[in-house]
Amino acid sequence: MIDHVAINVSNFEHSKNFYKVALAPLGYKLCKEYDITSPVSKYAAGFGTDGKADFWIVDEQVNIPRIHVAFTTESCEQVNTFHTASLTVGGTDNGAPSLRSHYYHSKYYGAFVLDPDGHNIEVVCYALSS
């Protein structure tokens, strides 16, 4: 079982603000933020629900490999709201909200957004109601 995920970002403040807005429809909030004493990183911020940060951003400017992270949610409306919110704060559409039965399975409703560093962030709901 995965406890948390951390991704590298090139502009910490910009990405922190992006994720505050983009993940709010999922109930995520900024839970933790602190300075790091590392040769390549200075700051970290953790987002999560119920005070537990399970999604982290770290300001690593040396090497930013692009990744794909998928969050699950309980309603198709949250998928739609995530997509809209992400685009309002600088995200790039990488797949509008839709049923994706041709790729995954008959109840797979998801949306994809590229964050400011090009990470592919997905939100998926396994329900047919919207």
C-alpha atoms as a PDB file:
ATOM      1  CA  MET A   1       0.000   0.000   0.000  1.00  0.00           C
ATOM      2  CA  ILE A   2       1.330   3.446  -0.888  1.00  0.00           C
ATOM      3  CA  ASP A   3       1.488   5.940   1.983  1.00  0.00           C
ATOM      4  CA  HIS A   4       2.418   9.081   0.051  1.00  0.00           C
ATOM      5  CA  VAL A   5       3.819  10.417  -3.214  1.00  0.00           C
ATOM      6  CA  ALA A   6       6.216  13.337  -3.724  1.00  0.00           C
ATOM      7  CA  ILE A   7       6.834  15.130  -7.001  1.00  0.00           C
ATOM      8  CA  ASN A   8       9.512  17.642  -7.939  1.00  0.00           C
ATOM      9  CA  VAL A   9       8.473  21.123  -9.041  1.00  0.00           C
ATOM     10  CA  SER A  10      10.468  23.960 -10.573  1.00  0.00           C
ATOM     11  CA  ASN A  11       8.521  26.893  -9.079  1.00  0.00           C
ATOM     12  CA  PHE A  12       7.494  25.999  -5.536  1.00  0.00           C
ATOM     13  CA  GLU A  13       5.121  28.899  -4.811  1.00  0.00           C
ATOM     14  CA  HIS A  14       3.388  28.657  -8.194  1.00  0.00           C
ATOM     15  CA  SER A  15       2.911  24.900  -7.854  1.00  0.00           C
ATOM     16  CA  LYS A  16       1.763  25.207  -4.241  1.00  0.00           C
ATOM     17  CA  ASN A  17      -0.949  27.658  -5.288  1.00  0.00           C
ATOM     18  CA  PHE A  18      -1.891  25.447  -8.260  1.00  0.00           C
ATOM     19  CA  TYR A  19      -2.423  22.388  -6.045  1.00  0.00           C
ATOM     20  CA  LYS A  20      -4.309  24.366  -3.369  1.00  0.00           C
ATOM     21  CA  VAL A  21      -6.947  25.190  -5.991  1.00  0.00           C
ATOM     22  CA  ALA A  22      -6.771  22.054  -8.158  1.00  0.00           C
ATOM     23  CA  LEU A  23      -7.116  19.573  -5.287  1.00  0.00           C
ATOM     24  CA  ALA A  24      -9.689  21.516  -3.250  1.00  0.00           C
ATOM     25  CA  PRO A  25     -12.639  19.820  -5.042  1.00  0.00           C
ATOM     26  CA  LEU A  26     -11.300  16.493  -3.710  1.00  0.00           C
ATOM     27  CA  GLY A  27     -11.246  17.765  -0.128  1.00  0.00           C
ATOM     28  CA  TYR A  28      -7.460  18.179  -0.153  1.00  0.00           C
ATOM     29  CA  LYS A  29      -5.866  21.012   1.792  1.00  0.00           C
ATOM     30  CA  LEU A  30      -2.322  22.165   2.424  1.00  0.00           C
ATOM     31  CA  CYS A  31      -1.501  20.200   5.612  1.00  0.00           C
ATOM     32  CA  LYS A  32       2.218  20.712   6.085  1.00  0.00           C
ATOM     33  CA  GLU A  33       4.898  23.021   4.805  1.00  0.00           C
ATOM     34  CA  TYR A  34       8.501  23.239   5.860  1.00  0.00           C
ATOM     35  CA  ASP A  35      12.075  24.021   4.910  1.00  0.00           C
ATOM     36  CA  ILE A  36      14.370  21.159   3.929  1.00  0.00           C
ATOM     37  CA  THR A  37      18.095  21.003   4.501  1.00  0.00           C
ATOM     38  CA  SER A  38      19.117  19.246   1.317  1.00  0.00           C
ATOM     39  CA  PRO A  39      21.729  20.036  -1.331  1.00  0.00           C
ATOM     40  CA  VAL A  40      19.060  20.121  -4.068  1.00  0.00           C
ATOM     41  CA  SER A  41      15.812  21.124  -2.302  1.00  0.00           C
ATOM     42  CA  LYS A  42      14.746  23.934   0.013  1.00  0.00           C
ATOM     43  CA  TYR A  43      10.996  23.536   0.555  1.00  0.00           C
ATOM     44  CA  ALA A  44       8.302  20.866   0.807  1.00  0.00           C
ATOM     45  CA  ALA A  45       4.521  21.105   1.032  1.00  0.00           C
ATOM     46  CA  GLY A  46       2.112  18.273   1.765  1.00  0.00           C
ATOM     47  CA  PHE A  47      -1.536  18.103   0.747  1.00  0.00           C
ATOM     48  CA  GLY A  48      -4.150  15.709   2.067  1.00  0.00           C
ATOM     49  CA  THR A  49      -7.418  15.132   3.841  1.00  0.00           C
ATOM     50  CA  ASP A  50      -8.065  14.889   7.570  1.00  0.00           C
ATOM     51  CA  GLY A  51      -4.664  16.430   8.319  1.00  0.00           C
ATOM     52  CA  LYS A  52      -2.649  13.580   6.737  1.00  0.00           C
ATOM     53  CA  ALA A  53      -0.502  14.669   3.822  1.00  0.00           C
ATOM     54  CA  ASP A  54      -0.278  11.960   1.167  1.00  0.00           C
ATOM     55  CA  PHE A  55       0.655  14.147  -1.818  1.00  0.00           C
ATOM     56  CA  TRP A  56       3.831  16.238  -1.565  1.00  0.00           C
ATOM     57  CA  ILE A  57       5.601  18.779  -3.740  1.00  0.00           C
ATOM     58  CA  VAL A  58       9.329  19.459  -3.371  1.00  0.00           C
ATOM     59  CA  ASP A  59      11.264  22.284  -5.041  1.00  0.00           C
ATOM     60  CA  GLU A  60      13.836  20.235  -6.920  1.00  0.00           C
ATOM     61  CA  GLN A  61      15.107  22.229  -9.870  1.00  0.00           C
ATOM     62  CA  VAL A  62      17.970  19.934 -10.859  1.00  0.00           C
ATOM     63  CA  ASN A  63      15.894  17.266 -12.607  1.00  0.00           C
ATOM     64  CA  ILE A  64      12.137  17.278 -13.062  1.00  0.00           C
ATOM     65  CA  PRO A  65      11.029  13.915 -14.473  1.00  0.00           C
ATOM     66  CA  ARG A  66       7.417  13.985 -15.678  1.00  0.00           C
ATOM     67  CA  ILE A  67       5.061  11.649 -13.838  1.00  0.00           C
ATOM     68  CA  HIS A  68       1.406  10.593 -13.854  1.00  0.00           C
ATOM     69  CA  VAL A  69      -0.578  10.592 -10.599  1.00  0.00           C
ATOM     70  CA  ALA A  70      -4.249   9.571 -10.393  1.00  0.00           C
ATOM     71  CA  PHE A  71      -6.553  10.512  -7.516  1.00  0.00           C
ATOM     72  CA  THR A  72      -9.880   8.741  -6.960  1.00  0.00           C
ATOM     73  CA  THR A  73     -13.010  10.531  -5.893  1.00  0.00           C
ATOM     74  CA  GLU A  74     -16.589   9.586  -5.144  1.00  0.00           C
ATOM     75  CA  SER A  75     -18.467  11.662  -7.717  1.00  0.00           C
ATOM     76  CA  CYS A  76     -18.200  12.596 -11.350  1.00  0.00           C
ATOM     77  CA  GLU A  77     -18.983  16.171 -10.324  1.00  0.00           C
ATOM     78  CA  GLN A  78     -15.720  16.278  -8.343  1.00  0.00           C
ATOM     79  CA  VAL A  79     -13.876  15.147 -11.483  1.00  0.00           C
ATOM     80  CA  ASN A  80     -15.505  17.995 -13.422  1.00  0.00           C
ATOM     81  CA  THR A  81     -14.767  20.559 -10.703  1.00  0.00           C
ATOM     82  CA  PHE A  82     -11.120  19.445 -10.442  1.00  0.00           C
ATOM     83  CA  HIS A  83     -10.695  19.890 -14.189  1.00  0.00           C
ATOM     84  CA  THR A  84     -12.280  23.353 -14.233  1.00  0.00           C
ATOM     85  CA  ALA A  85     -10.400  24.528 -11.123  1.00  0.00           C
ATOM     86  CA  SER A  86      -7.080  23.290 -12.495  1.00  0.00           C
ATOM     87  CA  LEU A  87      -7.511  25.173 -15.755  1.00  0.00           C
ATOM     88  CA  THR A  88      -8.305  28.420 -13.909  1.00  0.00           C
ATOM     89  CA  VAL A  89      -4.900  28.343 -12.164  1.00  0.00           C
ATOM     90  CA  GLY A  90      -2.701  27.549 -15.136  1.00  0.00           C
ATOM     91  CA  GLY A  91      -3.205  23.834 -15.714  1.00  0.00           C
ATOM     92  CA  THR A  92      -3.308  22.545 -19.295  1.00  0.00           C
ATOM     93  CA  ASP A  93      -6.114  20.292 -20.472  1.00  0.00           C
ATOM     94  CA  ASN A  94      -4.783  16.804 -21.149  1.00  0.00           C
ATOM     95  CA  GLY A  95      -8.158  15.049 -21.373  1.00  0.00           C
ATOM     96  CA  ALA A  96     -11.504  16.654 -20.576  1.00  0.00           C
ATOM     97  CA  PRO A  97     -13.863  14.901 -18.152  1.00  0.00           C
ATOM     98  CA  SER A  98     -15.515  11.938 -19.851  1.00  0.00           C
ATOM     99  CA  LEU A  99     -16.393   8.289 -19.602  1.00  0.00           C
ATOM    100  CA  ARG A 100     -13.312   6.364 -20.727  1.00  0.00           C
ATOM    101  CA  SER A 101     -14.712   2.870 -21.212  1.00  0.00           C
ATOM    102  CA  HIS A 102     -12.729   2.449 -24.443  1.00  0.00           C
ATOM    103  CA  TYR A 103      -9.454   2.743 -22.464  1.00  0.00           C
ATOM    104  CA  TYR A 104     -10.191   1.276 -19.058  1.00  0.00           C
ATOM    105  CA  HIS A 105     -13.620  -0.132 -18.144  1.00  0.00           C
ATOM    106  CA  SER A 106     -17.304   0.771 -18.423  1.00  0.00           C
ATOM    107  CA  LYS A 107     -17.488   2.847 -15.210  1.00  0.00           C
ATOM    108  CA  TYR A 108     -14.223   4.799 -15.575  1.00  0.00           C
ATOM    109  CA  TYR A 109     -14.973   8.546 -15.605  1.00  0.00           C
ATOM    110  CA  GLY A 110     -11.868  10.707 -15.521  1.00  0.00           C
ATOM    111  CA  ALA A 111     -10.104  13.928 -16.431  1.00  0.00           C
ATOM    112  CA  PHE A 112      -6.442  14.767 -17.007  1.00  0.00           C
ATOM    113  CA  VAL A 113      -4.579  18.044 -16.484  1.00  0.00           C
ATOM    114  CA  LEU A 114      -0.910  18.903 -16.919  1.00  0.00           C
ATOM    115  CA  ASP A 115       0.352  20.877 -13.927  1.00  0.00           C
ATOM    116  CA  PRO A 116       2.786  23.823 -14.344  1.00  0.00           C
ATOM    117  CA  ASP A 117       5.728  21.387 -14.677  1.00  0.00           C
ATOM    118  CA  GLY A 118       3.983  19.051 -17.113  1.00  0.00           C
ATOM    119  CA  HIS A 119       3.076  16.339 -14.595  1.00  0.00           C
ATOM    120  CA  ASN A 120      -0.038  14.469 -15.757  1.00  0.00           C
ATOM    121  CA  ILE A 121      -2.562  14.758 -12.909  1.00  0.00           C
ATOM    122  CA  GLU A 122      -5.709  12.652 -13.220  1.00  0.00           C
ATOM    123  CA  VAL A 123      -8.885  12.407 -11.175  1.00  0.00           C
ATOM    124  CA  VAL A 124     -11.118   9.378 -11.660  1.00  0.00           C
ATOM    125  CA  CYS A 125     -14.512   8.286 -10.396  1.00  0.00           C
ATOM    126  CA  TYR A 126     -15.789   4.710 -10.700  1.00  0.00           C
ATOM    127  CA  ALA A 127     -19.475   5.640 -10.907  1.00  0.00           C
ATOM    128  CA  LEU A 128     -21.802   6.282 -13.784  1.00  0.00           C
ATOM    129  CA  SER A 129     -23.826   9.054 -12.120  1.00  0.00           C
ATOM    130  CA  SER A 130     -22.661  12.638 -12.531  1.00  0.00           C
END
